Amino acid sequence: MQGFAGFMWLLSMALILFSGFALIDAAVRREDAYRAADKQTKAFWLIVLGLAFVVNLIFNILSFLPIIGLIATIVYMVDVRPTIKNLPGGGRSRRGGSSSDGPYGPWNGGR
């Protein structure tokens, strides 16, 4: 029985890491990328994936709530994430840059 408990613990940790990765990935994507990909809003996915993460932390893997959270996480990772990544710029939030940067690069001729 101890081997089964160890396996379930590893499976639970994998689900927590998987849902945590999806939550972080959704958080770093731009809001307009979700609209451009014709998907639900960023806030919607942050709430759904945040709930999935918290449920995975609290409940046992044999409960039905972590399974619902896993399904939501899989939908994000298989449907939403690849669509957003295929957008120009990968849907990532821009950090840094200058005020003269346009959508295709610097307006100042690359100086």
PDB file of N, CA and C in Angstrom:
ATOM      1  N   MET A   1       0.824  -1.193   0.000  1.00  0.00           N
ATOM      2  CA  MET A   1       0.000   0.000   0.000  1.00  0.00           C
ATOM      3  C   MET A   1       0.870   1.259   0.000  1.00  0.00           C
ATOM      4  N   GLN A   2       2.055   1.170   0.575  1.00  0.00           N
ATOM      5  CA  GLN A   2       2.931   2.333   0.626  1.00  0.00           C
ATOM      6  C   GLN A   2       3.379   2.739  -0.778  1.00  0.00           C
ATOM      7  N   GLY A   3       3.583   1.788  -1.667  1.00  0.00           N
ATOM      8  CA  GLY A   3       3.967   2.099  -3.042  1.00  0.00           C
ATOM      9  C   GLY A   3       2.879   2.863  -3.771  1.00  0.00           C
ATOM     10  N   PHE A   4       1.622   2.481  -3.541  1.00  0.00           N
ATOM     11  CA  PHE A   4       0.501   3.178  -4.162  1.00  0.00           C
ATOM     12  C   PHE A   4       0.399   4.611  -3.650  1.00  0.00           C
ATOM     13  N   ALA A   5       0.601   4.796  -2.351  1.00  0.00           N
ATOM     14  CA  ALA A   5       0.543   6.141  -1.763  1.00  0.00           C
ATOM     15  C   ALA A   5       1.660   7.014  -2.339  1.00  0.00           C
ATOM     16  N   GLY A   6       2.828   6.451  -2.525  1.00  0.00           N
ATOM     17  CA  GLY A   6       3.929   7.190  -3.125  1.00  0.00           C
ATOM     18  C   GLY A   6       3.634   7.581  -4.561  1.00  0.00           C
ATOM     19  N   PHE A   7       3.019   6.669  -5.297  1.00  0.00           N
ATOM     20  CA  PHE A   7       2.641   6.955  -6.677  1.00  0.00           C
ATOM     21  C   PHE A   7       1.596   8.063  -6.731  1.00  0.00           C
ATOM     22  N   MET A   8       0.618   8.021  -5.850  1.00  0.00           N
ATOM     23  CA  MET A   8      -0.424   9.033  -5.820  1.00  0.00           C
ATOM     24  C   MET A   8       0.155  10.398  -5.430  1.00  0.00           C
ATOM     25  N   TRP A   9       1.131  10.402  -4.527  1.00  0.00           N
ATOM     26  CA  TRP A   9       1.782  11.651  -4.148  1.00  0.00           C
ATOM     27  C   TRP A   9       2.519  12.244  -5.349  1.00  0.00           C
ATOM     28  N   LEU A  10       3.250  11.411  -6.101  1.00  0.00           N
ATOM     29  CA  LEU A  10       3.961  11.879  -7.290  1.00  0.00           C
ATOM     30  C   LEU A  10       2.978  12.404  -8.339  1.00  0.00           C
ATOM     31  N   LEU A  11       1.865  11.706  -8.507  1.00  0.00           N
ATOM     32  CA  LEU A  11       0.852  12.146  -9.458  1.00  0.00           C
ATOM     33  C   LEU A  11       0.246  13.477  -9.028  1.00  0.00           C
ATOM     34  N   SER A  12       0.011  13.635  -7.739  1.00  0.00           N
ATOM     35  CA  SER A  12      -0.525  14.884  -7.214  1.00  0.00           C
ATOM     36  C   SER A  12       0.467  16.025  -7.438  1.00  0.00           C
ATOM     37  N   MET A  13       1.740  15.799  -7.190  1.00  0.00           N
ATOM     38  CA  MET A  13       2.761  16.830  -7.410  1.00  0.00           C
ATOM     39  C   MET A  13       2.859  17.196  -8.894  1.00  0.00           C
ATOM     40  N   ALA A  14       2.736  16.198  -9.766  1.00  0.00           N
ATOM     41  CA  ALA A  14       2.777  16.469 -11.202  1.00  0.00           C
ATOM     42  C   ALA A  14       1.597  17.346 -11.619  1.00  0.00           C
ATOM     43  N   LEU A  15       0.414  17.081 -11.061  1.00  0.00           N
ATOM     44  CA  LEU A  15      -0.752  17.900 -11.378  1.00  0.00           C
ATOM     45  C   LEU A  15      -0.584  19.327 -10.873  1.00  0.00           C
ATOM     46  N   ILE A  16      -0.023  19.477  -9.695  1.00  0.00           N
ATOM     47  CA  ILE A  16       0.211  20.819  -9.146  1.00  0.00           C
ATOM     48  C   ILE A  16       1.193  21.586 -10.025  1.00  0.00           C
ATOM     49  N   LEU A  17       2.276  20.943 -10.436  1.00  0.00           N
ATOM     50  CA  LEU A  17       3.258  21.599 -11.307  1.00  0.00           C
ATOM     51  C   LEU A  17       2.668  21.937 -12.669  1.00  0.00           C
ATOM     52  N   PHE A  18       1.878  21.032 -13.217  1.00  0.00           N
ATOM     53  CA  PHE A  18       1.254  21.238 -14.523  1.00  0.00           C
ATOM     54  C   PHE A  18       0.291  22.423 -14.484  1.00  0.00           C
ATOM     55  N   SER A  19      -0.563  22.454 -13.479  1.00  0.00           N
ATOM     56  CA  SER A  19      -1.519  23.562 -13.383  1.00  0.00           C
ATOM     57  C   SER A  19      -0.808  24.865 -13.021  1.00  0.00           C
ATOM     58  N   GLY A  20       0.257  24.798 -12.238  1.00  0.00           N
ATOM     59  CA  GLY A  20       1.036  25.997 -11.920  1.00  0.00           C
ATOM     60  C   GLY A  20       1.725  26.563 -13.147  1.00  0.00           C
ATOM     61  N   PHE A  21       2.280  25.696 -13.984  1.00  0.00           N
ATOM     62  CA  PHE A  21       2.908  26.152 -15.222  1.00  0.00           C
ATOM     63  C   PHE A  21       1.891  26.825 -16.129  1.00  0.00           C
ATOM     64  N   ALA A  22       0.718  26.215 -16.267  1.00  0.00           N
ATOM     65  CA  ALA A  22      -0.329  26.791 -17.123  1.00  0.00           C
ATOM     66  C   ALA A  22      -0.770  28.151 -16.587  1.00  0.00           C
ATOM     67  N   LEU A  23      -0.891  28.273 -15.264  1.00  0.00           N
ATOM     68  CA  LEU A  23      -1.292  29.543 -14.658  1.00  0.00           C
ATOM     69  C   LEU A  23      -0.252  30.631 -14.922  1.00  0.00           C
ATOM     70  N   ILE A  24       1.011  30.307 -14.750  1.00  0.00           N
ATOM     71  CA  ILE A  24       2.078  31.284 -15.007  1.00  0.00           C
ATOM     72  C   ILE A  24       2.130  31.648 -16.488  1.00  0.00           C
ATOM     73  N   ASP A  25       1.974  30.658 -17.347  1.00  0.00           N
ATOM     74  CA  ASP A  25       1.985  30.919 -18.784  1.00  0.00           C
ATOM     75  C   ASP A  25       0.833  31.840 -19.185  1.00  0.00           C
ATOM     76  N   ALA A  26      -0.343  31.602 -18.631  1.00  0.00           N
ATOM     77  CA  ALA A  26      -1.499  32.461 -18.932  1.00  0.00           C
ATOM     78  C   ALA A  26      -1.273  33.871 -18.413  1.00  0.00           C
ATOM     79  N   ALA A  27      -0.573  33.999 -17.305  1.00  0.00           N
ATOM     80  CA  ALA A  27      -0.346  35.323 -16.711  1.00  0.00           C
ATOM     81  C   ALA A  27       0.622  36.168 -17.533  1.00  0.00           C
ATOM     82  N   VAL A  28       1.566  35.553 -18.212  1.00  0.00           N
ATOM     83  CA  VAL A  28       2.559  36.327 -18.963  1.00  0.00           C
ATOM     84  C   VAL A  28       2.108  36.667 -20.374  1.00  0.00           C
ATOM     85  N   ARG A  29       0.999  36.116 -20.818  1.00  0.00           N
ATOM     86  CA  ARG A  29       0.486  36.422 -22.160  1.00  0.00           C
ATOM     87  C   ARG A  29      -0.258  37.747 -22.147  1.00  0.00           C
ATOM     88  N   ARG A  30      -0.228  38.457 -23.271  1.00  0.00           N
ATOM     89  CA  ARG A  30      -0.914  39.741 -23.379  1.00  0.00           C
ATOM     90  C   ARG A  30      -2.425  39.542 -23.456  1.00  0.00           C
ATOM     91  N   GLU A  31      -3.164  40.498 -22.911  1.00  0.00           N
ATOM     92  CA  GLU A  31      -4.630  40.444 -22.942  1.00  0.00           C
ATOM     93  C   GLU A  31      -5.150  40.468 -24.376  1.00  0.00           C
ATOM     94  N   ASP A  32      -4.552  41.296 -25.214  1.00  0.00           N
ATOM     95  CA  ASP A  32      -5.042  41.402 -26.588  1.00  0.00           C
ATOM     96  C   ASP A  32      -4.762  40.146 -27.404  1.00  0.00           C
ATOM     97  N   ALA A  33      -3.814  39.320 -26.977  1.00  0.00           N
ATOM     98  CA  ALA A  33      -3.535  38.076 -27.683  1.00  0.00           C
ATOM     99  C   ALA A  33      -4.710  37.110 -27.559  1.00  0.00           C
ATOM    100  N   TYR A  34      -5.380  37.121 -26.429  1.00  0.00           N
ATOM    101  CA  TYR A  34      -6.549  36.255 -26.245  1.00  0.00           C
ATOM    102  C   TYR A  34      -7.674  36.684 -27.184  1.00  0.00           C
ATOM    103  N   ARG A  35      -7.879  37.986 -27.287  1.00  0.00           N
ATOM    104  CA  ARG A  35      -8.922  38.493 -28.191  1.00  0.00           C
ATOM    105  C   ARG A  35      -8.547  38.220 -29.640  1.00  0.00           C
ATOM    106  N   ALA A  36      -7.269  38.408 -30.001  1.00  0.00           N
ATOM    107  CA  ALA A  36      -6.826  38.177 -31.371  1.00  0.00           C
ATOM    108  C   ALA A  36      -6.959  36.701 -31.753  1.00  0.00           C
ATOM    109  N   ALA A  37      -6.784  35.817 -30.793  1.00  0.00           N
ATOM    110  CA  ALA A  37      -6.910  34.382 -31.048  1.00  0.00           C
ATOM    111  C   ALA A  37      -8.359  33.919 -30.962  1.00  0.00           C
ATOM    112  N   ASP A  38      -9.283  34.833 -30.643  1.00  0.00           N
ATOM    113  CA  ASP A  38     -10.707  34.537 -30.516  1.00  0.00           C
ATOM    114  C   ASP A  38     -10.957  33.467 -29.443  1.00  0.00           C
ATOM    115  N   LYS A  39     -10.302  33.664 -28.300  1.00  0.00           N
ATOM    116  CA  LYS A  39     -10.466  32.781 -27.143  1.00  0.00           C
ATOM    117  C   LYS A  39     -11.105  33.575 -26.008  1.00  0.00           C
ATOM    118  N   GLN A  40     -11.392  32.916 -24.903  1.00  0.00           N
ATOM    119  CA  GLN A  40     -11.915  33.612 -23.731  1.00  0.00           C
ATOM    120  C   GLN A  40     -10.889  34.648 -23.274  1.00  0.00           C
ATOM    121  N   THR A  41     -11.321  35.528 -22.391  1.00  0.00           N
ATOM    122  CA  THR A  41     -10.427  36.601 -21.942  1.00  0.00           C
ATOM    123  C   THR A  41      -9.316  36.060 -21.050  1.00  0.00           C
ATOM    124  N   LYS A  42      -8.307  36.887 -20.871  1.00  0.00           N
ATOM    125  CA  LYS A  42      -7.194  36.528 -20.002  1.00  0.00           C
ATOM    126  C   LYS A  42      -7.673  36.342 -18.567  1.00  0.00           C
ATOM    127  N   ALA A  43      -8.564  37.232 -18.113  1.00  0.00           N
ATOM    128  CA  ALA A  43      -9.093  37.129 -16.749  1.00  0.00           C
ATOM    129  C   ALA A  43      -9.821  35.805 -16.545  1.00  0.00           C
ATOM    130  N   PHE A  44     -10.592  35.379 -17.530  1.00  0.00           N
ATOM    131  CA  PHE A  44     -11.302  34.102 -17.438  1.00  0.00           C
ATOM    132  C   PHE A  44     -10.321  32.959 -17.226  1.00  0.00           C
ATOM    133  N   TRP A  45      -9.278  32.906 -18.058  1.00  0.00           N
ATOM    134  CA  TRP A  45      -8.318  31.802 -17.946  1.00  0.00           C
ATOM    135  C   TRP A  45      -7.504  31.883 -16.656  1.00  0.00           C
ATOM    136  N   LEU A  46      -7.203  33.086 -16.193  1.00  0.00           N
ATOM    137  CA  LEU A  46      -6.481  33.203 -14.925  1.00  0.00           C
ATOM    138  C   LEU A  46      -7.338  32.696 -13.766  1.00  0.00           C
ATOM    139  N   ILE A  47      -8.626  32.986 -13.785  1.00  0.00           N
ATOM    140  CA  ILE A  47      -9.516  32.502 -12.725  1.00  0.00           C
ATOM    141  C   ILE A  47      -9.644  30.985 -12.788  1.00  0.00           C
ATOM    142  N   VAL A  48      -9.890  30.451 -13.980  1.00  0.00           N
ATOM    143  CA  VAL A  48     -10.072  28.998 -14.131  1.00  0.00           C
ATOM    144  C   VAL A  48      -8.798  28.259 -13.738  1.00  0.00           C
ATOM    145  N   LEU A  49      -7.656  28.714 -14.239  1.00  0.00           N
ATOM    146  CA  LEU A  49      -6.402  28.023 -13.938  1.00  0.00           C
ATOM    147  C   LEU A  49      -5.972  28.237 -12.491  1.00  0.00           C
ATOM    148  N   GLY A  50      -6.288  29.401 -11.922  1.00  0.00           N
ATOM    149  CA  GLY A  50      -6.008  29.627 -10.501  1.00  0.00           C
ATOM    150  C   GLY A  50      -6.829  28.706  -9.622  1.00  0.00           C
ATOM    151  N   LEU A  51      -8.103  28.544  -9.956  1.00  0.00           N
ATOM    152  CA  LEU A  51      -8.945  27.602  -9.200  1.00  0.00           C
ATOM    153  C   LEU A  51      -8.432  26.173  -9.348  1.00  0.00           C
ATOM    154  N   ALA A  52      -8.032  25.805 -10.548  1.00  0.00           N
ATOM    155  CA  ALA A  52      -7.493  24.454 -10.762  1.00  0.00           C
ATOM    156  C   ALA A  52      -6.241  24.238  -9.911  1.00  0.00           C
ATOM    157  N   PHE A  53      -5.384  25.248  -9.834  1.00  0.00           N
ATOM    158  CA  PHE A  53      -4.166  25.133  -9.036  1.00  0.00           C
ATOM    159  C   PHE A  53      -4.496  24.968  -7.556  1.00  0.00           C
ATOM    160  N   VAL A  54      -5.403  25.797  -7.055  1.00  0.00           N
ATOM    161  CA  VAL A  54      -5.778  25.733  -5.636  1.00  0.00           C
ATOM    162  C   VAL A  54      -6.466  24.404  -5.315  1.00  0.00           C
ATOM    163  N   VAL A  55      -7.325  23.954  -6.203  1.00  0.00           N
ATOM    164  CA  VAL A  55      -8.012  22.671  -5.987  1.00  0.00           C
ATOM    165  C   VAL A  55      -7.002  21.533  -5.941  1.00  0.00           C
ATOM    166  N   ASN A  56      -6.001  21.588  -6.825  1.00  0.00           N
ATOM    167  CA  ASN A  56      -4.973  20.540  -6.817  1.00  0.00           C
ATOM    168  C   ASN A  56      -4.145  20.572  -5.534  1.00  0.00           C
ATOM    169  N   LEU A  57      -3.976  21.748  -4.960  1.00  0.00           N
ATOM    170  CA  LEU A  57      -3.244  21.849  -3.696  1.00  0.00           C
ATOM    171  C   LEU A  57      -4.046  21.278  -2.523  1.00  0.00           C
ATOM    172  N   ILE A  58      -5.357  21.493  -2.539  1.00  0.00           N
ATOM    173  CA  ILE A  58      -6.182  21.170  -1.380  1.00  0.00           C
ATOM    174  C   ILE A  58      -6.724  19.747  -1.402  1.00  0.00           C
ATOM    175  N   PHE A  59      -7.253  19.330  -2.545  1.00  0.00           N
ATOM    176  CA  PHE A  59      -7.979  18.064  -2.589  1.00  0.00           C
ATOM    177  C   PHE A  59      -7.106  16.895  -3.018  1.00  0.00           C
ATOM    178  N   ASN A  60      -7.545  15.719  -2.633  1.00  0.00           N
ATOM    179  CA  ASN A  60      -6.902  14.467  -3.002  1.00  0.00           C
ATOM    180  C   ASN A  60      -7.139  14.201  -4.486  1.00  0.00           C
ATOM    181  N   ILE A  61      -6.202  13.553  -5.134  1.00  0.00           N
ATOM    182  CA  ILE A  61      -6.289  13.265  -6.562  1.00  0.00           C
ATOM    183  C   ILE A  61      -7.475  12.353  -6.877  1.00  0.00           C
ATOM    184  N   LEU A  62      -7.944  11.573  -5.917  1.00  0.00           N
ATOM    185  CA  LEU A  62      -9.054  10.665  -6.163  1.00  0.00           C
ATOM    186  C   LEU A  62     -10.402  11.379  -6.145  1.00  0.00           C
ATOM    187  N   SER A  63     -10.414  12.644  -5.767  1.00  0.00           N
ATOM    188  CA  SER A  63     -11.636  13.437  -5.784  1.00  0.00           C
ATOM    189  C   SER A  63     -11.939  13.866  -7.221  1.00  0.00           C
ATOM    190  N   PHE A  64     -13.174  14.268  -7.485  1.00  0.00           N
ATOM    191  CA  PHE A  64     -13.522  14.681  -8.845  1.00  0.00           C
ATOM    192  C   PHE A  64     -13.106  16.114  -9.160  1.00  0.00           C
ATOM    193  N   LEU A  65     -12.918  16.969  -8.162  1.00  0.00           N
ATOM    194  CA  LEU A  65     -12.552  18.361  -8.423  1.00  0.00           C
ATOM    195  C   LEU A  65     -11.175  18.512  -9.083  1.00  0.00           C
ATOM    196  N   PRO A  66     -10.136  17.788  -8.643  1.00  0.00           N
ATOM    197  CA  PRO A  66      -8.858  17.896  -9.356  1.00  0.00           C
ATOM    198  C   PRO A  66      -8.945  17.395 -10.797  1.00  0.00           C
ATOM    199  N   ILE A  67      -9.832  16.463 -11.056  1.00  0.00           N
ATOM    200  CA  ILE A  67      -9.994  15.966 -12.422  1.00  0.00           C
ATOM    201  C   ILE A  67     -10.606  17.058 -13.300  1.00  0.00           C
ATOM    202  N   ILE A  68     -11.572  17.805 -12.758  1.00  0.00           N
ATOM    203  CA  ILE A  68     -12.145  18.931 -13.498  1.00  0.00           C
ATOM    204  C   ILE A  68     -11.072  19.993 -13.748  1.00  0.00           C
ATOM    205  N   GLY A  69     -10.246  20.259 -12.742  1.00  0.00           N
ATOM    206  CA  GLY A  69      -9.150  21.207 -12.914  1.00  0.00           C
ATOM    207  C   GLY A  69      -8.142  20.733 -13.948  1.00  0.00           C
ATOM    208  N   LEU A  70      -7.880  19.430 -13.968  1.00  0.00           N
ATOM    209  CA  LEU A  70      -6.964  18.871 -14.957  1.00  0.00           C
ATOM    210  C   LEU A  70      -7.523  19.045 -16.362  1.00  0.00           C
ATOM    211  N   ILE A  71      -8.819  18.839 -16.527  1.00  0.00           N
ATOM    212  CA  ILE A  71      -9.438  19.019 -17.844  1.00  0.00           C
ATOM    213  C   ILE A  71      -9.313  20.471 -18.298  1.00  0.00           C
ATOM    214  N   ALA A  72      -9.571  21.413 -17.394  1.00  0.00           N
ATOM    215  CA  ALA A  72      -9.437  22.833 -17.743  1.00  0.00           C
ATOM    216  C   ALA A  72      -7.996  23.173 -18.115  1.00  0.00           C
ATOM    217  N   THR A  73      -7.041  22.630 -17.377  1.00  0.00           N
ATOM    218  CA  THR A  73      -5.629  22.880 -17.666  1.00  0.00           C
ATOM    219  C   THR A  73      -5.237  22.292 -19.016  1.00  0.00           C
ATOM    220  N   ILE A  74      -5.723  21.106 -19.308  1.00  0.00           N
ATOM    221  CA  ILE A  74      -5.421  20.468 -20.596  1.00  0.00           C
ATOM    222  C   ILE A  74      -6.023  21.283 -21.741  1.00  0.00           C
ATOM    223  N   VAL A  75      -7.248  21.790 -21.562  1.00  0.00           N
ATOM    224  CA  VAL A  75      -7.865  22.616 -22.607  1.00  0.00           C
ATOM    225  C   VAL A  75      -7.009  23.849 -22.866  1.00  0.00           C
ATOM    226  N   TYR A  76      -6.541  24.496 -21.804  1.00  0.00           N
ATOM    227  CA  TYR A  76      -5.685  25.671 -21.995  1.00  0.00           C
ATOM    228  C   TYR A  76      -4.406  25.284 -22.736  1.00  0.00           C
ATOM    229  N   MET A  77      -3.736  24.221 -22.288  1.00  0.00           N
ATOM    230  CA  MET A  77      -2.437  23.854 -22.845  1.00  0.00           C
ATOM    231  C   MET A  77      -2.534  23.341 -24.281  1.00  0.00           C
ATOM    232  N   VAL A  78      -3.638  22.682 -24.634  1.00  0.00           N
ATOM    233  CA  VAL A  78      -3.761  22.073 -25.958  1.00  0.00           C
ATOM    234  C   VAL A  78      -4.432  23.006 -26.963  1.00  0.00           C
ATOM    235  N   ASP A  79      -5.355  23.849 -26.508  1.00  0.00           N
ATOM    236  CA  ASP A  79      -6.113  24.689 -27.432  1.00  0.00           C
ATOM    237  C   ASP A  79      -5.688  26.154 -27.390  1.00  0.00           C
ATOM    238  N   VAL A  80      -5.712  26.757 -26.224  1.00  0.00           N
ATOM    239  CA  VAL A  80      -5.497  28.201 -26.112  1.00  0.00           C
ATOM    240  C   VAL A  80      -4.021  28.563 -26.273  1.00  0.00           C
ATOM    241  N   ARG A  81      -3.148  27.910 -25.548  1.00  0.00           N
ATOM    242  CA  ARG A  81      -1.724  28.264 -25.556  1.00  0.00           C
ATOM    243  C   ARG A  81      -1.098  28.181 -26.950  1.00  0.00           C
ATOM    244  N   PRO A  82      -1.293  27.083 -27.708  1.00  0.00           N
ATOM    245  CA  PRO A  82      -0.679  27.042 -29.045  1.00  0.00           C
ATOM    246  C   PRO A  82      -1.219  28.126 -29.982  1.00  0.00           C
ATOM    247  N   THR A  83      -2.509  28.433 -29.871  1.00  0.00           N
ATOM    248  CA  THR A  83      -3.088  29.470 -30.724  1.00  0.00           C
ATOM    249  C   THR A  83      -2.471  30.828 -30.414  1.00  0.00           C
ATOM    250  N   ILE A  84      -2.316  31.126 -29.135  1.00  0.00           N
ATOM    251  CA  ILE A  84      -1.730  32.408 -28.747  1.00  0.00           C
ATOM    252  C   ILE A  84      -0.246  32.460 -29.106  1.00  0.00           C
ATOM    253  N   LYS A  85       0.462  31.340 -28.947  1.00  0.00           N
ATOM    254  CA  LYS A  85       1.890  31.322 -29.272  1.00  0.00           C
ATOM    255  C   LYS A  85       2.142  31.540 -30.761  1.00  0.00           C
ATOM    256  N   ASN A  86       1.190  31.150 -31.601  1.00  0.00           N
ATOM    257  CA  ASN A  86       1.364  31.300 -33.043  1.00  0.00           C
ATOM    258  C   ASN A  86       1.105  32.720 -33.525  1.00  0.00           C
ATOM    259  N   LEU A  87       0.622  33.585 -32.655  1.00  0.00           N
ATOM    260  CA  LEU A  87       0.430  34.985 -33.025  1.00  0.00           C
ATOM    261  C   LEU A  87       1.791  35.665 -33.134  1.00  0.00           C
ATOM    262  N   PRO A  88       1.881  36.733 -33.926  1.00  0.00           N
ATOM    263  CA  PRO A  88       3.152  37.466 -33.990  1.00  0.00           C
ATOM    264  C   PRO A  88       3.566  37.950 -32.601  1.00  0.00           C
ATOM    265  N   GLY A  89       4.786  37.699 -32.236  1.00  0.00           N
ATOM    266  CA  GLY A  89       5.285  38.069 -30.915  1.00  0.00           C
ATOM    267  C   GLY A  89       5.023  37.006 -29.868  1.00  0.00           C
ATOM    268  N   GLY A  90       4.324  35.945 -30.218  1.00  0.00           N
ATOM    269  CA  GLY A  90       4.072  34.855 -29.286  1.00  0.00           C
ATOM    270  C   GLY A  90       3.112  35.197 -28.171  1.00  0.00           C
ATOM    271  N   GLY A  91       2.459  36.341 -28.241  1.00  0.00           N
ATOM    272  CA  GLY A  91       1.498  36.713 -27.216  1.00  0.00           C
ATOM    273  C   GLY A  91       2.128  37.071 -25.888  1.00  0.00           C
ATOM    274  N   ARG A  92       3.438  37.182 -25.834  1.00  0.00           N
ATOM    275  CA  ARG A  92       4.116  37.497 -24.572  1.00  0.00           C
ATOM    276  C   ARG A  92       4.071  38.991 -24.312  1.00  0.00           C
ATOM    277  N   SER A  93       3.995  39.334 -23.056  1.00  0.00           N
ATOM    278  CA  SER A  93       4.051  40.740 -22.661  1.00  0.00           C
ATOM    279  C   SER A  93       5.443  41.265 -22.943  1.00  0.00           C
ATOM    280  N   ARG A  94       5.511  42.467 -23.489  1.00  0.00           N
ATOM    281  CA  ARG A  94       6.806  43.086 -23.744  1.00  0.00           C
ATOM    282  C   ARG A  94       7.300  43.735 -22.478  1.00  0.00           C
ATOM    283  N   ARG A  95       8.496  43.435 -22.133  1.00  0.00           N
ATOM    284  CA  ARG A  95       9.139  44.068 -20.996  1.00  0.00           C
ATOM    285  C   ARG A  95      10.267  44.924 -21.548  1.00  0.00           C
ATOM    286  N   GLY A  96      10.375  46.125 -21.071  1.00  0.00           N
ATOM    287  CA  GLY A  96      11.432  46.996 -21.554  1.00  0.00           C
ATOM    288  C   GLY A  96      11.044  47.636 -22.872  1.00  0.00           C
ATOM    289  N   GLY A  97      11.999  47.769 -23.780  1.00  0.00           N
ATOM    290  CA  GLY A  97      11.725  48.448 -25.033  1.00  0.00           C
ATOM    291  C   GLY A  97      11.798  49.947 -24.817  1.00  0.00           C
ATOM    292  N   SER A  98      11.718  50.681 -25.888  1.00  0.00           N
ATOM    293  CA  SER A  98      11.749  52.131 -25.726  1.00  0.00           C
ATOM    294  C   SER A  98      10.442  52.722 -26.212  1.00  0.00           C
ATOM    295  N   SER A  99      10.247  53.994 -25.915  1.00  0.00           N
ATOM    296  CA  SER A  99       9.013  54.653 -26.320  1.00  0.00           C
ATOM    297  C   SER A  99       8.957  54.855 -27.823  1.00  0.00           C
ATOM    298  N   SER A 100      10.077  54.706 -28.519  1.00  0.00           N
ATOM    299  CA  SER A 100      10.083  54.873 -29.968  1.00  0.00           C
ATOM    300  C   SER A 100       9.874  53.550 -30.700  1.00  0.00           C
ATOM    301  N   ASP A 101       9.697  52.473 -29.965  1.00  0.00           N
ATOM    302  CA  ASP A 101       9.484  51.173 -30.598  1.00  0.00           C
ATOM    303  C   ASP A 101       8.064  51.073 -31.124  1.00  0.00           C
ATOM    304  N   GLY A 102       7.945  50.648 -32.362  1.00  0.00           N
ATOM    305  CA  GLY A 102       6.646  50.398 -32.975  1.00  0.00           C
ATOM    306  C   GLY A 102       6.371  48.909 -32.991  1.00  0.00           C
ATOM    307  N   PRO A 103       5.331  48.487 -33.657  1.00  0.00           N
ATOM    308  CA  PRO A 103       4.992  47.067 -33.670  1.00  0.00           C
ATOM    309  C   PRO A 103       5.997  46.212 -34.434  1.00  0.00           C
ATOM    310  N   TYR A 104       6.795  46.838 -35.322  1.00  0.00           N
ATOM    311  CA  TYR A 104       7.754  46.090 -36.120  1.00  0.00           C
ATOM    312  C   TYR A 104       9.198  46.451 -35.806  1.00  0.00           C
ATOM    313  N   GLY A 105       9.422  47.206 -34.743  1.00  0.00           N
ATOM    314  CA  GLY A 105      10.772  47.566 -34.367  1.00  0.00           C
ATOM    315  C   GLY A 105      10.867  49.045 -34.077  1.00  0.00           C
ATOM    316  N   PRO A 106      12.089  49.518 -33.896  1.00  0.00           N
ATOM    317  CA  PRO A 106      12.265  50.923 -33.518  1.00  0.00           C
ATOM    318  C   PRO A 106      11.915  51.854 -34.677  1.00  0.00           C
ATOM    319  N   TRP A 107      11.299  52.969 -34.328  1.00  0.00           N
ATOM    320  CA  TRP A 107      10.957  53.993 -35.315  1.00  0.00           C
ATOM    321  C   TRP A 107      12.163  54.847 -35.660  1.00  0.00           C
ATOM    322  N   ASN A 108      13.202  54.756 -34.889  1.00  0.00           N
ATOM    323  CA  ASN A 108      14.354  55.636 -35.101  1.00  0.00           C
ATOM    324  C   ASN A 108      15.382  55.047 -36.044  1.00  0.00           C
ATOM    325  N   GLY A 109      15.022  54.101 -36.860  1.00  0.00           N
ATOM    326  CA  GLY A 109      15.935  53.539 -37.831  1.00  0.00           C
ATOM    327  C   GLY A 109      16.896  52.519 -37.259  1.00  0.00           C
ATOM    328  N   GLY A 110      16.661  52.033 -36.051  1.00  0.00           N
ATOM    329  CA  GLY A 110      17.506  51.017 -35.446  1.00  0.00           C
ATOM    330  C   GLY A 110      18.746  51.578 -34.786  1.00  0.00           C
ATOM    331  N   ARG A 111      18.791  52.878 -34.531  1.00  0.00           N
ATOM    332  CA  ARG A 111      19.961  53.479 -33.883  1.00  0.00           C
ATOM    333  C   ARG A 111      20.020  53.155 -32.429  1.00  0.00           C
TER     334      ARG A 111
END
